[in-house]
């Protein structure tokens, strides 16, 4: 079989370097509401799964004491 060699680096155009790239740009702070929402969803889902697991374990642990 034949292999196809493509060198995209040779096809790239040269760009002049931009001054000031060494300095980090300021990051604009947005509302932390999505982070809080994500944390709340994660905690709620863990609590739901943990509660379901505990419920299933308690149901299977109950053994009949009388026959």
PDB file of N, CA and C in Angstrom:
ATOM      1  N   UNK A   1       0.842  -1.183   0.000  1.00  0.00           N
ATOM      2  CA  UNK A   1       0.000   0.000   0.000  1.00  0.00           C
ATOM      3  C   UNK A   1       0.887   1.246   0.000  1.00  0.00           C
ATOM      4  N   UNK A   2       0.297   2.309  -0.422  1.00  0.00           N
ATOM      5  CA  UNK A   2       0.993   3.579  -0.439  1.00  0.00           C
ATOM      6  C   UNK A   2       0.609   4.378   0.795  1.00  0.00           C
ATOM      7  N   UNK A   3       1.552   5.132   1.288  1.00  0.00           N
ATOM      8  CA  UNK A   3       1.239   6.002   2.420  1.00  0.00           C
ATOM      9  C   UNK A   3       1.184   7.440   1.927  1.00  0.00           C
ATOM     10  N   UNK A   4       0.385   8.216   2.571  1.00  0.00           N
ATOM     11  CA  UNK A   4       0.188   9.601   2.185  1.00  0.00           C
ATOM     12  C   UNK A   4       0.861  10.480   3.229  1.00  0.00           C
ATOM     13  N   UNK A   5       1.890  11.187   2.826  1.00  0.00           N
ATOM     14  CA  UNK A   5       2.587  12.092   3.735  1.00  0.00           C
ATOM     15  C   UNK A   5       2.179  13.519   3.418  1.00  0.00           C
ATOM     16  N   UNK A   6       1.614  14.169   4.397  1.00  0.00           N
ATOM     17  CA  UNK A   6       1.227  15.566   4.250  1.00  0.00           C
ATOM     18  C   UNK A   6       1.913  16.333   5.363  1.00  0.00           C
ATOM     19  N   UNK A   7       2.624  17.360   4.985  1.00  0.00           N
ATOM     20  CA  UNK A   7       3.301  18.185   5.968  1.00  0.00           C
ATOM     21  C   UNK A   7       2.593  19.530   5.999  1.00  0.00           C
ATOM     22  N   UNK A   8       1.740  19.700   6.985  1.00  0.00           N
ATOM     23  CA  UNK A   8       0.979  20.936   7.082  1.00  0.00           C
ATOM     24  C   UNK A   8       1.838  22.106   7.552  1.00  0.00           C
ATOM     25  N   UNK A   9       2.981  21.835   8.145  1.00  0.00           N
ATOM     26  CA  UNK A   9       3.832  22.925   8.602  1.00  0.00           C
ATOM     27  C   UNK A   9       4.415  23.701   7.432  1.00  0.00           C
ATOM     28  N   UNK A  10       4.673  23.039   6.331  1.00  0.00           N
ATOM     29  CA  UNK A  10       5.205  23.746   5.167  1.00  0.00           C
ATOM     30  C   UNK A  10       4.139  24.608   4.507  1.00  0.00           C
ATOM     31  N   UNK A  11       2.888  24.243   4.629  1.00  0.00           N
ATOM     32  CA  UNK A  11       1.808  24.995   4.001  1.00  0.00           C
ATOM     33  C   UNK A  11       1.350  26.183   4.840  1.00  0.00           C
ATOM     34  N   UNK A  12       1.812  26.277   6.061  1.00  0.00           N
ATOM     35  CA  UNK A  12       1.366  27.337   6.964  1.00  0.00           C
ATOM     36  C   UNK A  12       2.016  28.664   6.580  1.00  0.00           C
ATOM     37  N   UNK A  13       1.226  29.733   6.650  1.00  0.00           N
ATOM     38  CA  UNK A  13       1.772  31.054   6.357  1.00  0.00           C
ATOM     39  C   UNK A  13       2.437  31.609   7.607  1.00  0.00           C
ATOM     40  N   UNK A  14       3.460  32.382   7.403  1.00  0.00           N
ATOM     41  CA  UNK A  14       4.178  32.994   8.523  1.00  0.00           C
ATOM     42  C   UNK A  14       3.423  34.218   9.009  1.00  0.00           C
ATOM     43  N   UNK A  15       3.262  34.314  10.314  1.00  0.00           N
ATOM     44  CA  UNK A  15       2.609  35.474  10.908  1.00  0.00           C
ATOM     45  C   UNK A  15       3.638  36.269  11.685  1.00  0.00           C
ATOM     46  N   UNK A  16       3.539  37.570  11.647  1.00  0.00           N
ATOM     47  CA  UNK A  16       4.461  38.363  12.463  1.00  0.00           C
ATOM     48  C   UNK A  16       4.129  38.164  13.939  1.00  0.00           C
ATOM     49  N   UNK A  17       5.157  38.138  14.758  1.00  0.00           N
ATOM     50  CA  UNK A  17       4.926  37.934  16.191  1.00  0.00           C
ATOM     51  C   UNK A  17       4.265  39.175  16.770  1.00  0.00           C
ATOM     52  N   UNK A  18       3.343  38.944  17.657  1.00  0.00           N
ATOM     53  CA  UNK A  18       2.608  40.045  18.264  1.00  0.00           C
ATOM     54  C   UNK A  18       3.325  40.489  19.531  1.00  0.00           C
ATOM     55  N   UNK A  19       3.466  41.773  19.692  1.00  0.00           N
ATOM     56  CA  UNK A  19       4.131  42.311  20.875  1.00  0.00           C
ATOM     57  C   UNK A  19       3.213  42.179  22.076  1.00  0.00           C
ATOM     58  N   UNK A  20       3.776  41.891  23.211  1.00  0.00           N
ATOM     59  CA  UNK A  20       2.993  41.825  24.434  1.00  0.00           C
ATOM     60  C   UNK A  20       2.420  40.456  24.738  1.00  0.00           C
ATOM     61  N   UNK A  21       2.839  39.441  24.024  1.00  0.00           N
ATOM     62  CA  UNK A  21       2.317  38.109  24.312  1.00  0.00           C
ATOM     63  C   UNK A  21       2.900  37.545  25.603  1.00  0.00           C
ATOM     64  N   UNK A  22       4.032  38.065  26.038  1.00  0.00           N
ATOM     65  CA  UNK A  22       4.652  37.571  27.261  1.00  0.00           C
ATOM     66  C   UNK A  22       3.854  37.936  28.498  1.00  0.00           C
ATOM     67  N   UNK A  23       3.108  39.005  28.430  1.00  0.00           N
ATOM     68  CA  UNK A  23       2.306  39.444  29.568  1.00  0.00           C
ATOM     69  C   UNK A  23       0.953  38.744  29.521  1.00  0.00           C
ATOM     70  N   UNK A  24       0.565  38.186  30.636  1.00  0.00           N
ATOM     71  CA  UNK A  24      -0.712  37.471  30.693  1.00  0.00           C
ATOM     72  C   UNK A  24      -1.861  38.469  30.647  1.00  0.00           C
ATOM     73  N   UNK A  25      -2.852  38.142  29.882  1.00  0.00           N
ATOM     74  CA  UNK A  25      -4.025  39.005  29.788  1.00  0.00           C
ATOM     75  C   UNK A  25      -4.876  38.840  31.042  1.00  0.00           C
ATOM     76  N   UNK A  26      -5.543  39.904  31.420  1.00  0.00           N
ATOM     77  CA  UNK A  26      -6.408  39.831  32.597  1.00  0.00           C
ATOM     78  C   UNK A  26      -7.640  39.007  32.274  1.00  0.00           C
ATOM     79  N   UNK A  27      -7.981  38.153  33.191  1.00  0.00           N
ATOM     80  CA  UNK A  27      -9.166  37.322  33.032  1.00  0.00           C
ATOM     81  C   UNK A  27     -10.326  38.029  33.705  1.00  0.00           C
ATOM     82  N   UNK A  28     -11.392  38.200  32.959  1.00  0.00           N
ATOM     83  CA  UNK A  28     -12.563  38.835  33.537  1.00  0.00           C
ATOM     84  C   UNK A  28     -13.320  37.814  34.355  1.00  0.00           C
ATOM     85  N   UNK A  29     -13.598  38.192  35.577  1.00  0.00           N
ATOM     86  CA  UNK A  29     -14.326  37.285  36.458  1.00  0.00           C
ATOM     87  C   UNK A  29     -15.807  37.344  36.124  1.00  0.00           C
ATOM     88  N   UNK A  30     -16.370  36.171  35.956  1.00  0.00           N
ATOM     89  CA  UNK A  30     -17.799  36.085  35.701  1.00  0.00           C
ATOM     90  C   UNK A  30     -18.487  35.659  36.979  1.00  0.00           C
ATOM     91  N   UNK A  31     -19.755  35.523  36.905  1.00  0.00           N
ATOM     92  CA  UNK A  31     -20.538  35.118  38.056  1.00  0.00           C
ATOM     93  C   UNK A  31     -20.180  33.685  38.451  1.00  0.00           C
ATOM     94  N   UNK A  32     -19.982  33.427  39.745  1.00  0.00           N
ATOM     95  CA  UNK A  32     -19.663  32.058  40.176  1.00  0.00           C
ATOM     96  C   UNK A  32     -20.902  31.169  40.287  1.00  0.00           C
ATOM     97  N   UNK A  33     -22.046  31.660  39.857  1.00  0.00           N
ATOM     98  CA  UNK A  33     -23.296  30.906  39.977  1.00  0.00           C
ATOM     99  C   UNK A  33     -23.241  29.545  39.277  1.00  0.00           C
ATOM    100  N   UNK A  34     -22.685  29.415  38.065  1.00  0.00           N
ATOM    101  CA  UNK A  34     -22.621  28.081  37.449  1.00  0.00           C
ATOM    102  C   UNK A  34     -21.768  27.092  38.246  1.00  0.00           C
ATOM    103  N   UNK A  35     -20.721  27.580  38.879  1.00  0.00           N
ATOM    104  CA  UNK A  35     -19.886  26.697  39.700  1.00  0.00           C
ATOM    105  C   UNK A  35     -20.678  26.205  40.897  1.00  0.00           C
ATOM    106  N   UNK A  36     -21.401  27.110  41.546  1.00  0.00           N
ATOM    107  CA  UNK A  36     -22.214  26.716  42.698  1.00  0.00           C
ATOM    108  C   UNK A  36     -23.316  25.744  42.275  1.00  0.00           C
ATOM    109  N   UNK A  37     -23.896  25.980  41.120  1.00  0.00           N
ATOM    110  CA  UNK A  37     -24.934  25.083  40.616  1.00  0.00           C
ATOM    111  C   UNK A  37     -24.360  23.694  40.341  1.00  0.00           C
ATOM    112  N   UNK A  38     -23.186  23.640  39.754  1.00  0.00           N
ATOM    113  CA  UNK A  38     -22.542  22.356  39.479  1.00  0.00           C
ATOM    114  C   UNK A  38     -22.191  21.607  40.744  1.00  0.00           C
ATOM    115  N   UNK A  39     -21.708  22.323  41.753  1.00  0.00           N
ATOM    116  CA  UNK A  39     -21.389  21.695  43.034  1.00  0.00           C
ATOM    117  C   UNK A  39     -22.656  21.160  43.687  1.00  0.00           C
ATOM    118  N   UNK A  40     -23.740  21.936  43.626  1.00  0.00           N
ATOM    119  CA  UNK A  40     -25.003  21.497  44.226  1.00  0.00           C
ATOM    120  C   UNK A  40     -25.546  20.254  43.522  1.00  0.00           C
ATOM    121  N   UNK A  41     -25.445  20.212  42.200  1.00  0.00           N
ATOM    122  CA  UNK A  41     -25.915  19.043  41.453  1.00  0.00           C
ATOM    123  C   UNK A  41     -25.058  17.821  41.791  1.00  0.00           C
ATOM    124  N   UNK A  42     -23.752  18.011  41.923  1.00  0.00           N
ATOM    125  CA  UNK A  42     -22.871  16.892  42.259  1.00  0.00           C
ATOM    126  C   UNK A  42     -23.182  16.345  43.644  1.00  0.00           C
ATOM    127  N   UNK A  43     -23.374  17.235  44.611  1.00  0.00           N
ATOM    128  CA  UNK A  43     -23.685  16.795  45.975  1.00  0.00           C
ATOM    129  C   UNK A  43     -25.043  16.105  46.014  1.00  0.00           C
ATOM    130  N   UNK A  44     -26.025  16.666  45.308  1.00  0.00           N
ATOM    131  CA  UNK A  44     -27.360  16.064  45.300  1.00  0.00           C
ATOM    132  C   UNK A  44     -27.344  14.685  44.650  1.00  0.00           C
ATOM    133  N   UNK A  45     -26.606  14.537  43.564  1.00  0.00           N
ATOM    134  CA  UNK A  45     -26.559  13.227  42.906  1.00  0.00           C
ATOM    135  C   UNK A  45     -25.829  12.204  43.764  1.00  0.00           C
ATOM    136  N   UNK A  46     -24.754  12.617  44.433  1.00  0.00           N
ATOM    137  CA  UNK A  46     -24.061  11.698  45.336  1.00  0.00           C
ATOM    138  C   UNK A  46     -24.947  11.306  46.505  1.00  0.00           C
ATOM    139  N   UNK A  47     -25.702  12.264  47.037  1.00  0.00           N
ATOM    140  CA  UNK A  47     -26.609  11.959  48.142  1.00  0.00           C
ATOM    141  C   UNK A  47     -27.717  11.016  47.690  1.00  0.00           C
ATOM    142  N   UNK A  48     -28.226  11.214  46.493  1.00  0.00           N
ATOM    143  CA  UNK A  48     -29.282  10.347  45.970  1.00  0.00           C
ATOM    144  C   UNK A  48     -28.775   8.917  45.768  1.00  0.00           C
ATOM    145  N   UNK A  49     -27.608   8.780  45.179  1.00  0.00           N
ATOM    146  CA  UNK A  49     -27.045   7.448  44.953  1.00  0.00           C
ATOM    147  C   UNK A  49     -26.689   6.792  46.281  1.00  0.00           C
ATOM    148  N   UNK A  50     -26.100   7.563  47.200  1.00  0.00           N
ATOM    149  CA  UNK A  50     -25.764   7.008  48.509  1.00  0.00           C
ATOM    150  C   UNK A  50     -26.996   6.595  49.289  1.00  0.00           C
ATOM    151  N   UNK A  51     -28.042   7.391  49.222  1.00  0.00           N
ATOM    152  CA  UNK A  51     -29.287   7.045  49.901  1.00  0.00           C
ATOM    153  C   UNK A  51     -29.922   5.801  49.317  1.00  0.00           C
ATOM    154  N   UNK A  52     -29.899   5.687  47.999  1.00  0.00           N
ATOM    155  CA  UNK A  52     -30.452   4.491  47.358  1.00  0.00           C
ATOM    156  C   UNK A  52     -29.637   3.256  47.724  1.00  0.00           C
ATOM    157  N   UNK A  53     -28.324   3.406  47.779  1.00  0.00           N
ATOM    158  CA  UNK A  53     -27.466   2.279  48.152  1.00  0.00           C
ATOM    159  C   UNK A  53     -27.734   1.853  49.589  1.00  0.00           C
ATOM    160  N   UNK A  54     -27.831   2.827  50.494  1.00  0.00           N
ATOM    161  CA  UNK A  54     -28.118   2.493  51.892  1.00  0.00           C
ATOM    162  C   UNK A  54     -29.490   1.841  52.034  1.00  0.00           C
ATOM    163  N   UNK A  55     -30.464   2.328  51.289  1.00  0.00           N
ATOM    164  CA  UNK A  55     -31.798   1.734  51.334  1.00  0.00           C
ATOM    165  C   UNK A  55     -31.761   0.282  50.864  1.00  0.00           C
ATOM    166  N   UNK A  56     -31.062   0.031  49.775  1.00  0.00           N
ATOM    167  CA  UNK A  56     -30.969  -1.340  49.257  1.00  0.00           C
ATOM    168  C   UNK A  56     -30.206  -2.246  50.216  1.00  0.00           C
ATOM    169  N   UNK A  57     -29.163  -1.725  50.837  1.00  0.00           N
ATOM    170  CA  UNK A  57     -28.404  -2.531  51.793  1.00  0.00           C
ATOM    171  C   UNK A  57     -29.240  -2.825  53.034  1.00  0.00           C
ATOM    172  N   UNK A  58     -30.041  -1.878  53.475  1.00  0.00           N
ATOM    173  CA  UNK A  58     -30.841  -2.116  54.675  1.00  0.00           C
ATOM    174  C   UNK A  58     -31.974  -3.096  54.383  1.00  0.00           C
ATOM    175  N   UNK A  59     -32.508  -3.066  53.165  1.00  0.00           N
ATOM    176  CA  UNK A  59     -33.567  -4.000  52.802  1.00  0.00           C
ATOM    177  C   UNK A  59     -33.027  -5.424  52.690  1.00  0.00           C
ATOM    178  N   UNK A  60     -31.818  -5.571  52.202  1.00  0.00           N
ATOM    179  CA  UNK A  60     -31.257  -6.910  52.051  1.00  0.00           C
ATOM    180  C   UNK A  60     -30.702  -7.433  53.372  1.00  0.00           C
ATOM    181  N   UNK A  61     -30.423  -6.550  54.323  1.00  0.00           N
ATOM    182  CA  UNK A  61     -29.874  -6.972  55.609  1.00  0.00           C
ATOM    183  C   UNK A  61     -30.964  -7.468  56.546  1.00  0.00           C
ATOM    184  N   UNK A  62     -32.201  -7.101  56.286  1.00  0.00           N
ATOM    185  CA  UNK A  62     -33.305  -7.523  57.148  1.00  0.00           C
ATOM    186  C   UNK A  62     -33.575  -8.996  56.879  1.00  0.00           C
ATOM    187  N   UNK A  63     -33.434  -9.788  57.915  1.00  0.00           N
ATOM    188  CA  UNK A  63     -33.706 -11.215  57.773  1.00  0.00           C
ATOM    189  C   UNK A  63     -34.903 -11.581  58.633  1.00  0.00           C
ATOM    190  N   UNK A  64     -35.693 -12.487  58.182  1.00  0.00           N
ATOM    191  CA  UNK A  64     -36.859 -12.877  58.990  1.00  0.00           C
ATOM    192  C   UNK A  64     -36.392 -13.568  60.273  1.00  0.00           C
ATOM    193  N   UNK A  65     -36.924 -13.116  61.392  1.00  0.00           N
ATOM    194  CA  UNK A  65     -36.535 -13.698  62.675  1.00  0.00           C
ATOM    195  C   UNK A  65     -37.432 -14.854  63.059  1.00  0.00           C
ATOM    196  N   UNK A  66     -38.618 -14.886  62.525  1.00  0.00           N
ATOM    197  CA  UNK A  66     -39.529 -15.994  62.833  1.00  0.00           C
ATOM    198  C   UNK A  66     -39.823 -16.774  61.569  1.00  0.00           C
ATOM    199  N   UNK A  67     -40.047 -18.051  61.729  1.00  0.00           N
ATOM    200  CA  UNK A  67     -40.362 -18.902  60.576  1.00  0.00           C
ATOM    201  C   UNK A  67     -41.773 -19.327  60.600  1.00  0.00           C
TER     202      UNK A  67
END
